[in-house]
């Protein structure tokens, strides 16, 4: 999964640029606020698949260029789901 960290204004601009009812819109709607209320605006974490993040990147390139670096960085730092996909089993050590 890719985790995008956006400010509220960035999230609003992206939501306005995607098609209502699309997978991209649903991912943005599911964003969760985190952090302390000391920071204003609170950052919002949006978790989505790499495919959705890539489509959001295309939208951002056209309509929200200030968000492009954040989306690119999130895609590059994508966290794999579950355990590693390598051939090693948990607890196995390499000699």
PDB file of N, CA and C in Angstrom:
ATOM      1  N   UNK A   1       0.835  -1.188   0.000  1.00  0.00           N
ATOM      2  CA  UNK A   1       0.000   0.000   0.000  1.00  0.00           C
ATOM      3  C   UNK A   1       0.879   1.251   0.000  1.00  0.00           C
ATOM      4  N   UNK A   2       0.369   2.265  -0.631  1.00  0.00           N
ATOM      5  CA  UNK A   2       1.043   3.561  -0.668  1.00  0.00           C
ATOM      6  C   UNK A   2       0.327   4.460   0.338  1.00  0.00           C
ATOM      7  N   UNK A   3       1.097   5.212   1.134  1.00  0.00           N
ATOM      8  CA  UNK A   3       0.497   6.131   2.092  1.00  0.00           C
ATOM      9  C   UNK A   3       0.887   7.557   1.720  1.00  0.00           C
ATOM     10  N   UNK A   4      -0.115   8.332   1.331  1.00  0.00           N
ATOM     11  CA  UNK A   4       0.104   9.740   0.996  1.00  0.00           C
ATOM     12  C   UNK A   4      -0.182  10.577   2.232  1.00  0.00           C
ATOM     13  N   UNK A   5       0.685  11.525   2.532  1.00  0.00           N
ATOM     14  CA  UNK A   5       0.467  12.448   3.638  1.00  0.00           C
ATOM     15  C   UNK A   5       0.183  13.823   3.028  1.00  0.00           C
ATOM     16  N   UNK A   6      -1.042  14.279   3.213  1.00  0.00           N
ATOM     17  CA  UNK A   6      -1.488  15.523   2.587  1.00  0.00           C
ATOM     18  C   UNK A   6      -2.016  16.500   3.630  1.00  0.00           C
ATOM     19  N   UNK A   7      -1.977  17.766   3.285  1.00  0.00           N
ATOM     20  CA  UNK A   7      -2.657  18.763   4.113  1.00  0.00           C
ATOM     21  C   UNK A   7      -4.116  18.795   3.663  1.00  0.00           C
ATOM     22  N   UNK A   8      -4.955  19.387   4.482  1.00  0.00           N
ATOM     23  CA  UNK A   8      -6.369  19.465   4.112  1.00  0.00           C
ATOM     24  C   UNK A   8      -6.582  20.223   2.803  1.00  0.00           C
ATOM     25  N   UNK A   9      -5.927  21.372   2.587  1.00  0.00           N
ATOM     26  CA  UNK A   9      -6.117  22.058   1.302  1.00  0.00           C
ATOM     27  C   UNK A   9      -5.679  21.199   0.101  1.00  0.00           C
ATOM     28  N   UNK A  10      -4.597  20.443   0.253  1.00  0.00           N
ATOM     29  CA  UNK A  10      -4.151  19.571  -0.840  1.00  0.00           C
ATOM     30  C   UNK A  10      -5.185  18.488  -1.103  1.00  0.00           C
ATOM     31  N   UNK A  11      -5.711  17.896  -0.027  1.00  0.00           N
ATOM     32  CA  UNK A  11      -6.730  16.863  -0.164  1.00  0.00           C
ATOM     33  C   UNK A  11      -7.968  17.414  -0.859  1.00  0.00           C
ATOM     34  N   UNK A  12      -8.389  18.600  -0.486  1.00  0.00           N
ATOM     35  CA  UNK A  12      -9.573  19.221  -1.097  1.00  0.00           C
ATOM     36  C   UNK A  12      -9.355  19.442  -2.593  1.00  0.00           C
ATOM     37  N   UNK A  13      -8.156  19.929  -2.962  1.00  0.00           N
ATOM     38  CA  UNK A  13      -7.877  20.160  -4.389  1.00  0.00           C
ATOM     39  C   UNK A  13      -7.856  18.852  -5.180  1.00  0.00           C
ATOM     40  N   UNK A  14      -7.262  17.805  -4.597  1.00  0.00           N
ATOM     41  CA  UNK A  14      -7.245  16.517  -5.296  1.00  0.00           C
ATOM     42  C   UNK A  14      -8.654  15.956  -5.435  1.00  0.00           C
ATOM     43  N   UNK A  15      -9.447  16.035  -4.361  1.00  0.00           N
ATOM     44  CA  UNK A  15     -10.833  15.537  -4.422  1.00  0.00           C
ATOM     45  C   UNK A  15     -11.609  16.240  -5.527  1.00  0.00           C
ATOM     46  N   UNK A  16     -11.393  17.553  -5.661  1.00  0.00           N
ATOM     47  CA  UNK A  16     -12.108  18.320  -6.676  1.00  0.00           C
ATOM     48  C   UNK A  16     -11.679  17.925  -8.091  1.00  0.00           C
ATOM     49  N   UNK A  17     -10.469  17.385  -8.222  1.00  0.00           N
ATOM     50  CA  UNK A  17      -9.930  17.069  -9.542  1.00  0.00           C
ATOM     51  C   UNK A  17     -10.243  15.645 -10.010  1.00  0.00           C
ATOM     52  N   UNK A  18     -10.640  14.754  -9.087  1.00  0.00           N
ATOM     53  CA  UNK A  18     -10.930  13.375  -9.496  1.00  0.00           C
ATOM     54  C   UNK A  18     -12.423  13.207  -9.746  1.00  0.00           C
ATOM     55  N   UNK A  19     -12.769  12.156 -10.449  1.00  0.00           N
ATOM     56  CA  UNK A  19     -14.163  11.870 -10.763  1.00  0.00           C
ATOM     57  C   UNK A  19     -14.888  11.398  -9.513  1.00  0.00           C
ATOM     58  N   UNK A  20     -16.026  12.012  -9.222  1.00  0.00           N
ATOM     59  CA  UNK A  20     -16.842  11.609  -8.081  1.00  0.00           C
ATOM     60  C   UNK A  20     -17.275  10.157  -8.264  1.00  0.00           C
ATOM     61  N   UNK A  21     -17.132   9.366  -7.196  1.00  0.00           N
ATOM     62  CA  UNK A  21     -17.525   7.960  -7.255  1.00  0.00           C
ATOM     63  C   UNK A  21     -16.439   7.034  -7.756  1.00  0.00           C
ATOM     64  N   UNK A  22     -15.297   7.583  -8.159  1.00  0.00           N
ATOM     65  CA  UNK A  22     -14.198   6.746  -8.652  1.00  0.00           C
ATOM     66  C   UNK A  22     -13.432   6.118  -7.484  1.00  0.00           C
ATOM     67  N   UNK A  23     -12.573   5.156  -7.799  1.00  0.00           N
ATOM     68  CA  UNK A  23     -11.723   4.535  -6.782  1.00  0.00           C
ATOM     69  C   UNK A  23     -10.808   5.580  -6.151  1.00  0.00           C
ATOM     70  N   UNK A  24     -10.354   6.536  -6.960  1.00  0.00           N
ATOM     71  CA  UNK A  24      -9.485   7.597  -6.454  1.00  0.00           C
ATOM     72  C   UNK A  24     -10.240   8.460  -5.451  1.00  0.00           C
ATOM     73  N   UNK A  25     -11.480   8.801  -5.782  1.00  0.00           N
ATOM     74  CA  UNK A  25     -12.310   9.602  -4.891  1.00  0.00           C
ATOM     75  C   UNK A  25     -12.553   8.856  -3.578  1.00  0.00           C
ATOM     76  N   UNK A  26     -12.844   7.567  -3.667  1.00  0.00           N
ATOM     77  CA  UNK A  26     -13.086   6.755  -2.462  1.00  0.00           C
ATOM     78  C   UNK A  26     -11.845   6.702  -1.579  1.00  0.00           C
ATOM     79  N   UNK A  27     -10.671   6.558  -2.186  1.00  0.00           N
ATOM     80  CA  UNK A  27      -9.425   6.521  -1.411  1.00  0.00           C
ATOM     81  C   UNK A  27      -9.208   7.843  -0.685  1.00  0.00           C
ATOM     82  N   UNK A  28      -9.452   8.943  -1.375  1.00  0.00           N
ATOM     83  CA  UNK A  28      -9.268  10.261  -0.753  1.00  0.00           C
ATOM     84  C   UNK A  28     -10.281  10.486   0.372  1.00  0.00           C
ATOM     85  N   UNK A  29     -11.514  10.030   0.162  1.00  0.00           N
ATOM     86  CA  UNK A  29     -12.557  10.171   1.191  1.00  0.00           C
ATOM     87  C   UNK A  29     -12.203   9.382   2.451  1.00  0.00           C
ATOM     88  N   UNK A  30     -11.474   8.285   2.293  1.00  0.00           N
ATOM     89  CA  UNK A  30     -11.131   7.423   3.428  1.00  0.00           C
ATOM     90  C   UNK A  30      -9.914   7.926   4.204  1.00  0.00           C
ATOM     91  N   UNK A  31      -9.345   9.052   3.799  1.00  0.00           N
ATOM     92  CA  UNK A  31      -8.166   9.593   4.480  1.00  0.00           C
ATOM     93  C   UNK A  31      -8.418   9.820   5.958  1.00  0.00           C
ATOM     94  N   UNK A  32      -7.391   9.574   6.766  1.00  0.00           N
ATOM     95  CA  UNK A  32      -7.507   9.704   8.221  1.00  0.00           C
ATOM     96  C   UNK A  32      -6.594  10.807   8.731  1.00  0.00           C
ATOM     97  N   UNK A  33      -7.137  11.675   9.563  1.00  0.00           N
ATOM     98  CA  UNK A  33      -6.336  12.726  10.203  1.00  0.00           C
ATOM     99  C   UNK A  33      -5.457  12.084  11.263  1.00  0.00           C
ATOM    100  N   UNK A  34      -4.268  12.635  11.427  1.00  0.00           N
ATOM    101  CA  UNK A  34      -3.398  12.141  12.486  1.00  0.00           C
ATOM    102  C   UNK A  34      -2.552  13.290  13.007  1.00  0.00           C
ATOM    103  N   UNK A  35      -1.882  13.023  14.077  1.00  0.00           N
ATOM    104  CA  UNK A  35      -1.022  14.056  14.645  1.00  0.00           C
ATOM    105  C   UNK A  35      -1.730  14.821  15.734  1.00  0.00           C
ATOM    106  N   UNK A  36      -1.084  15.840  16.181  1.00  0.00           N
ATOM    107  CA  UNK A  36      -1.556  16.661  17.285  1.00  0.00           C
ATOM    108  C   UNK A  36      -2.380  17.827  16.765  1.00  0.00           C
ATOM    109  N   UNK A  37      -3.285  18.292  17.568  1.00  0.00           N
ATOM    110  CA  UNK A  37      -4.070  19.464  17.180  1.00  0.00           C
ATOM    111  C   UNK A  37      -3.238  20.737  17.246  1.00  0.00           C
ATOM    112  N   UNK A  38      -2.009  20.616  17.736  1.00  0.00           N
ATOM    113  CA  UNK A  38      -1.104  21.760  17.783  1.00  0.00           C
ATOM    114  C   UNK A  38      -0.791  22.208  16.354  1.00  0.00           C
ATOM    115  N   UNK A  39      -0.698  21.230  15.448  1.00  0.00           N
ATOM    116  CA  UNK A  39      -0.387  21.537  14.060  1.00  0.00           C
ATOM    117  C   UNK A  39      -1.675  21.850  13.320  1.00  0.00           C
ATOM    118  N   UNK A  40      -1.682  22.942  12.640  1.00  0.00           N
ATOM    119  CA  UNK A  40      -2.873  23.315  11.887  1.00  0.00           C
ATOM    120  C   UNK A  40      -2.443  23.669  10.476  1.00  0.00           C
ATOM    121  N   UNK A  41      -2.960  23.090   9.465  1.00  0.00           N
ATOM    122  CA  UNK A  41      -3.943  22.023   9.500  1.00  0.00           C
ATOM    123  C   UNK A  41      -3.289  20.675   9.802  1.00  0.00           C
ATOM    124  N   UNK A  42      -4.075  19.788  10.400  1.00  0.00           N
ATOM    125  CA  UNK A  42      -3.582  18.449  10.698  1.00  0.00           C
ATOM    126  C   UNK A  42      -3.294  17.720   9.393  1.00  0.00           C
ATOM    127  N   UNK A  43      -2.204  16.946   9.351  1.00  0.00           N
ATOM    128  CA  UNK A  43      -1.964  16.148   8.147  1.00  0.00           C
ATOM    129  C   UNK A  43      -2.995  15.020   8.040  1.00  0.00           C
ATOM    130  N   UNK A  44      -3.207  14.571   6.825  1.00  0.00           N
ATOM    131  CA  UNK A  44      -4.177  13.512   6.553  1.00  0.00           C
ATOM    132  C   UNK A  44      -3.447  12.399   5.813  1.00  0.00           C
ATOM    133  N   UNK A  45      -3.591  11.168   6.313  1.00  0.00           N
ATOM    134  CA  UNK A  45      -2.972  10.003   5.681  1.00  0.00           C
ATOM    135  C   UNK A  45      -4.000   9.336   4.778  1.00  0.00           C
ATOM    136  N   UNK A  46      -3.626   9.169   3.523  1.00  0.00           N
ATOM    137  CA  UNK A  46      -4.484   8.494   2.551  1.00  0.00           C
ATOM    138  C   UNK A  46      -3.761   7.236   2.111  1.00  0.00           C
ATOM    139  N   UNK A  47      -4.340   6.075   2.415  1.00  0.00           N
ATOM    140  CA  UNK A  47      -3.740   4.801   2.008  1.00  0.00           C
ATOM    141  C   UNK A  47      -4.473   4.289   0.781  1.00  0.00           C
ATOM    142  N   UNK A  48      -3.691   3.874  -0.213  1.00  0.00           N
ATOM    143  CA  UNK A  48      -4.291   3.371  -1.446  1.00  0.00           C
ATOM    144  C   UNK A  48      -3.314   2.427  -2.139  1.00  0.00           C
ATOM    145  N   UNK A  49      -3.798   1.755  -3.167  1.00  0.00           N
ATOM    146  CA  UNK A  49      -2.931   0.868  -3.932  1.00  0.00           C
ATOM    147  C   UNK A  49      -1.974   1.691  -4.783  1.00  0.00           C
ATOM    148  N   UNK A  50      -0.941   1.050  -5.251  1.00  0.00           N
ATOM    149  CA  UNK A  50       0.019   1.728  -6.131  1.00  0.00           C
ATOM    150  C   UNK A  50      -0.681   2.227  -7.400  1.00  0.00           C
ATOM    151  N   UNK A  51      -1.615   1.428  -7.924  1.00  0.00           N
ATOM    152  CA  UNK A  51      -2.332   1.810  -9.154  1.00  0.00           C
ATOM    153  C   UNK A  51      -3.133   3.096  -8.933  1.00  0.00           C
ATOM    154  N   UNK A  52      -3.821   3.197  -7.797  1.00  0.00           N
ATOM    155  CA  UNK A  52      -4.595   4.406  -7.509  1.00  0.00           C
ATOM    156  C   UNK A  52      -3.655   5.582  -7.292  1.00  0.00           C
ATOM    157  N   UNK A  53      -2.548   5.358  -6.579  1.00  0.00           N
ATOM    158  CA  UNK A  53      -1.574   6.435  -6.354  1.00  0.00           C
ATOM    159  C   UNK A  53      -1.016   6.944  -7.683  1.00  0.00           C
ATOM    160  N   UNK A  54      -0.783   6.033  -8.615  1.00  0.00           N
ATOM    161  CA  UNK A  54      -0.267   6.420  -9.933  1.00  0.00           C
ATOM    162  C   UNK A  54      -1.291   7.263 -10.678  1.00  0.00           C
ATOM    163  N   UNK A  55      -2.575   6.899 -10.573  1.00  0.00           N
ATOM    164  CA  UNK A  55      -3.623   7.702 -11.218  1.00  0.00           C
ATOM    165  C   UNK A  55      -3.766   9.061 -10.529  1.00  0.00           C
ATOM    166  N   UNK A  56      -3.625   9.088  -9.201  1.00  0.00           N
ATOM    167  CA  UNK A  56      -3.662  10.366  -8.485  1.00  0.00           C
ATOM    168  C   UNK A  56      -2.488  11.249  -8.894  1.00  0.00           C
ATOM    169  N   UNK A  57      -1.338  10.623  -9.156  1.00  0.00           N
ATOM    170  CA  UNK A  57      -0.169  11.368  -9.615  1.00  0.00           C
ATOM    171  C   UNK A  57      -0.463  12.033 -10.959  1.00  0.00           C
ATOM    172  N   UNK A  58      -1.118  11.308 -11.856  1.00  0.00           N
ATOM    173  CA  UNK A  58      -1.465  11.871 -13.166  1.00  0.00           C
ATOM    174  C   UNK A  58      -2.418  13.057 -13.003  1.00  0.00           C
ATOM    175  N   UNK A  59      -3.393  12.933 -12.112  1.00  0.00           N
ATOM    176  CA  UNK A  59      -4.333  14.031 -11.853  1.00  0.00           C
ATOM    177  C   UNK A  59      -3.579  15.222 -11.255  1.00  0.00           C
ATOM    178  N   UNK A  60      -2.703  14.931 -10.293  1.00  0.00           N
ATOM    179  CA  UNK A  60      -1.944  16.001  -9.633  1.00  0.00           C
ATOM    180  C   UNK A  60      -1.045  16.732 -10.628  1.00  0.00           C
ATOM    181  N   UNK A  61      -0.437  15.990 -11.551  1.00  0.00           N
ATOM    182  CA  UNK A  61       0.410  16.630 -12.566  1.00  0.00           C
ATOM    183  C   UNK A  61      -0.356  17.699 -13.328  1.00  0.00           C
ATOM    184  N   UNK A  62      -1.619  17.446 -13.555  1.00  0.00           N
ATOM    185  CA  UNK A  62      -2.423  18.363 -14.353  1.00  0.00           C
ATOM    186  C   UNK A  62      -3.091  19.466 -13.531  1.00  0.00           C
ATOM    187  N   UNK A  63      -3.593  19.095 -12.329  1.00  0.00           N
ATOM    188  CA  UNK A  63      -4.428  20.030 -11.580  1.00  0.00           C
ATOM    189  C   UNK A  63      -3.855  20.502 -10.241  1.00  0.00           C
ATOM    190  N   UNK A  64      -2.933  19.746  -9.661  1.00  0.00           N
ATOM    191  CA  UNK A  64      -2.420  20.071  -8.321  1.00  0.00           C
ATOM    192  C   UNK A  64      -0.908  19.856  -8.272  1.00  0.00           C
ATOM    193  N   UNK A  65      -0.133  20.599  -9.056  1.00  0.00           N
ATOM    194  CA  UNK A  65       1.302  20.329  -9.157  1.00  0.00           C
ATOM    195  C   UNK A  65       2.055  20.382  -7.833  1.00  0.00           C
ATOM    196  N   UNK A  66       1.531  21.116  -6.847  1.00  0.00           N
ATOM    197  CA  UNK A  66       2.229  21.186  -5.563  1.00  0.00           C
ATOM    198  C   UNK A  66       2.198  19.865  -4.796  1.00  0.00           C
ATOM    199  N   UNK A  67       1.300  18.944  -5.181  1.00  0.00           N
ATOM    200  CA  UNK A  67       1.166  17.654  -4.510  1.00  0.00           C
ATOM    201  C   UNK A  67       2.038  16.578  -5.177  1.00  0.00           C
ATOM    202  N   UNK A  68       2.473  16.834  -6.399  1.00  0.00           N
ATOM    203  CA  UNK A  68       3.233  15.841  -7.172  1.00  0.00           C
ATOM    204  C   UNK A  68       4.431  15.280  -6.404  1.00  0.00           C
ATOM    205  N   UNK A  69       5.296  16.107  -5.795  1.00  0.00           N
ATOM    206  CA  UNK A  69       6.457  15.535  -5.087  1.00  0.00           C
ATOM    207  C   UNK A  69       6.057  14.605  -3.938  1.00  0.00           C
ATOM    208  N   UNK A  70       4.970  14.932  -3.238  1.00  0.00           N
ATOM    209  CA  UNK A  70       4.522  14.075  -2.135  1.00  0.00           C
ATOM    210  C   UNK A  70       4.041  12.725  -2.640  1.00  0.00           C
ATOM    211  N   UNK A  71       3.298  12.733  -3.737  1.00  0.00           N
ATOM    212  CA  UNK A  71       2.780  11.477  -4.282  1.00  0.00           C
ATOM    213  C   UNK A  71       3.929  10.639  -4.831  1.00  0.00           C
ATOM    214  N   UNK A  72       4.853  11.270  -5.551  1.00  0.00           N
ATOM    215  CA  UNK A  72       6.017  10.533  -6.071  1.00  0.00           C
ATOM    216  C   UNK A  72       6.814   9.885  -4.939  1.00  0.00           C
ATOM    217  N   UNK A  73       7.074  10.654  -3.880  1.00  0.00           N
ATOM    218  CA  UNK A  73       7.838  10.134  -2.743  1.00  0.00           C
ATOM    219  C   UNK A  73       7.105   8.964  -2.084  1.00  0.00           C
ATOM    220  N   UNK A  74       5.791   9.073  -1.950  1.00  0.00           N
ATOM    221  CA  UNK A  74       5.006   7.997  -1.336  1.00  0.00           C
ATOM    222  C   UNK A  74       5.052   6.728  -2.184  1.00  0.00           C
ATOM    223  N   UNK A  75       4.977   6.872  -3.499  1.00  0.00           N
ATOM    224  CA  UNK A  75       5.045   5.707  -4.383  1.00  0.00           C
ATOM    225  C   UNK A  75       6.412   5.047  -4.266  1.00  0.00           C
ATOM    226  N   UNK A  76       7.473   5.852  -4.211  1.00  0.00           N
ATOM    227  CA  UNK A  76       8.827   5.303  -4.082  1.00  0.00           C
ATOM    228  C   UNK A  76       9.038   4.592  -2.754  1.00  0.00           C
ATOM    229  N   UNK A  77       8.327   5.006  -1.714  1.00  0.00           N
ATOM    230  CA  UNK A  77       8.479   4.407  -0.384  1.00  0.00           C
ATOM    231  C   UNK A  77       7.384   3.399  -0.087  1.00  0.00           C
ATOM    232  N   UNK A  78       6.723   2.903  -1.103  1.00  0.00           N
ATOM    233  CA  UNK A  78       5.602   1.979  -0.937  1.00  0.00           C
ATOM    234  C   UNK A  78       5.950   0.859   0.020  1.00  0.00           C
ATOM    235  N   UNK A  79       5.028   0.592   0.946  1.00  0.00           N
ATOM    236  CA  UNK A  79       5.219  -0.481   1.919  1.00  0.00           C
ATOM    237  C   UNK A  79       4.535  -1.735   1.402  1.00  0.00           C
ATOM    238  N   UNK A  80       5.269  -2.860   1.341  1.00  0.00           N
ATOM    239  CA  UNK A  80       4.621  -4.097   0.903  1.00  0.00           C
ATOM    240  C   UNK A  80       3.588  -4.557   1.929  1.00  0.00           C
ATOM    241  N   UNK A  81       2.556  -5.208   1.459  1.00  0.00           N
ATOM    242  CA  UNK A  81       1.506  -5.718   2.338  1.00  0.00           C
ATOM    243  C   UNK A  81       1.994  -7.030   2.935  1.00  0.00           C
ATOM    244  N   UNK A  82       1.858  -7.181   4.243  1.00  0.00           N
ATOM    245  CA  UNK A  82       2.241  -8.417   4.916  1.00  0.00           C
ATOM    246  C   UNK A  82       3.743  -8.598   4.972  1.00  0.00           C
ATOM    247  N   UNK A  83       4.161  -9.846   5.024  1.00  0.00           N
ATOM    248  CA  UNK A  83       5.585 -10.175   5.127  1.00  0.00           C
ATOM    249  C   UNK A  83       6.282  -9.954   3.798  1.00  0.00           C
ATOM    250  N   UNK A  84       7.590 -10.008   3.836  1.00  0.00           N
ATOM    251  CA  UNK A  84       8.358  -9.822   2.604  1.00  0.00           C
ATOM    252  C   UNK A  84       8.002 -10.912   1.614  1.00  0.00           C
ATOM    253  N   UNK A  85       8.200 -10.592   0.347  1.00  0.00           N
ATOM    254  CA  UNK A  85       7.818 -11.537  -0.701  1.00  0.00           C
ATOM    255  C   UNK A  85       8.971 -12.433  -1.117  1.00  0.00           C
ATOM    256  N   UNK A  86      10.076 -12.337  -0.372  1.00  0.00           N
ATOM    257  CA  UNK A  86      11.233 -13.172  -0.685  1.00  0.00           C
ATOM    258  C   UNK A  86      10.956 -14.626  -0.375  1.00  0.00           C
ATOM    259  N   UNK A  87      11.906 -15.493  -0.709  1.00  0.00           N
ATOM    260  CA  UNK A  87      11.719 -16.919  -0.514  1.00  0.00           C
ATOM    261  C   UNK A  87      11.997 -17.378   0.902  1.00  0.00           C
ATOM    262  N   UNK A  88      12.468 -16.538   1.762  1.00  0.00           N
ATOM    263  CA  UNK A  88      12.807 -16.936   3.120  1.00  0.00           C
ATOM    264  C   UNK A  88      11.570 -17.035   3.970  1.00  0.00           C
ATOM    265  N   UNK A  89      11.576 -18.023   4.855  1.00  0.00           N
ATOM    266  CA  UNK A  89      10.501 -18.124   5.811  1.00  0.00           C
ATOM    267  C   UNK A  89      10.889 -17.377   7.069  1.00  0.00           C
ATOM    268  N   UNK A  90       9.928 -16.946   7.888  1.00  0.00           N
ATOM    269  CA  UNK A  90      10.264 -16.210   9.099  1.00  0.00           C
ATOM    270  C   UNK A  90      11.216 -17.022   9.974  1.00  0.00           C
ATOM    271  N   UNK A  91      12.201 -16.352  10.537  1.00  0.00           N
ATOM    272  CA  UNK A  91      13.143 -17.016  11.420  1.00  0.00           C
ATOM    273  C   UNK A  91      14.295 -17.682  10.707  1.00  0.00           C
ATOM    274  N   UNK A  92      14.244 -17.759   9.402  1.00  0.00           N
ATOM    275  CA  UNK A  92      15.315 -18.395   8.631  1.00  0.00           C
ATOM    276  C   UNK A  92      16.502 -17.443   8.545  1.00  0.00           C
ATOM    277  N   UNK A  93      17.661 -17.936   8.832  1.00  0.00           N
ATOM    278  CA  UNK A  93      18.859 -17.091   8.736  1.00  0.00           C
ATOM    279  C   UNK A  93      19.681 -17.508   7.547  1.00  0.00           C
ATOM    280  N   UNK A  94      20.314 -16.553   6.933  1.00  0.00           N
ATOM    281  CA  UNK A  94      21.161 -16.831   5.782  1.00  0.00           C
ATOM    282  C   UNK A  94      22.579 -17.018   6.262  1.00  0.00           C
ATOM    283  N   UNK A  95      23.272 -18.032   5.739  1.00  0.00           N
ATOM    284  CA  UNK A  95      24.666 -18.297   6.137  1.00  0.00           C
ATOM    285  C   UNK A  95      25.614 -17.615   5.227  1.00  0.00           C
TER     286      UNK A  95
END
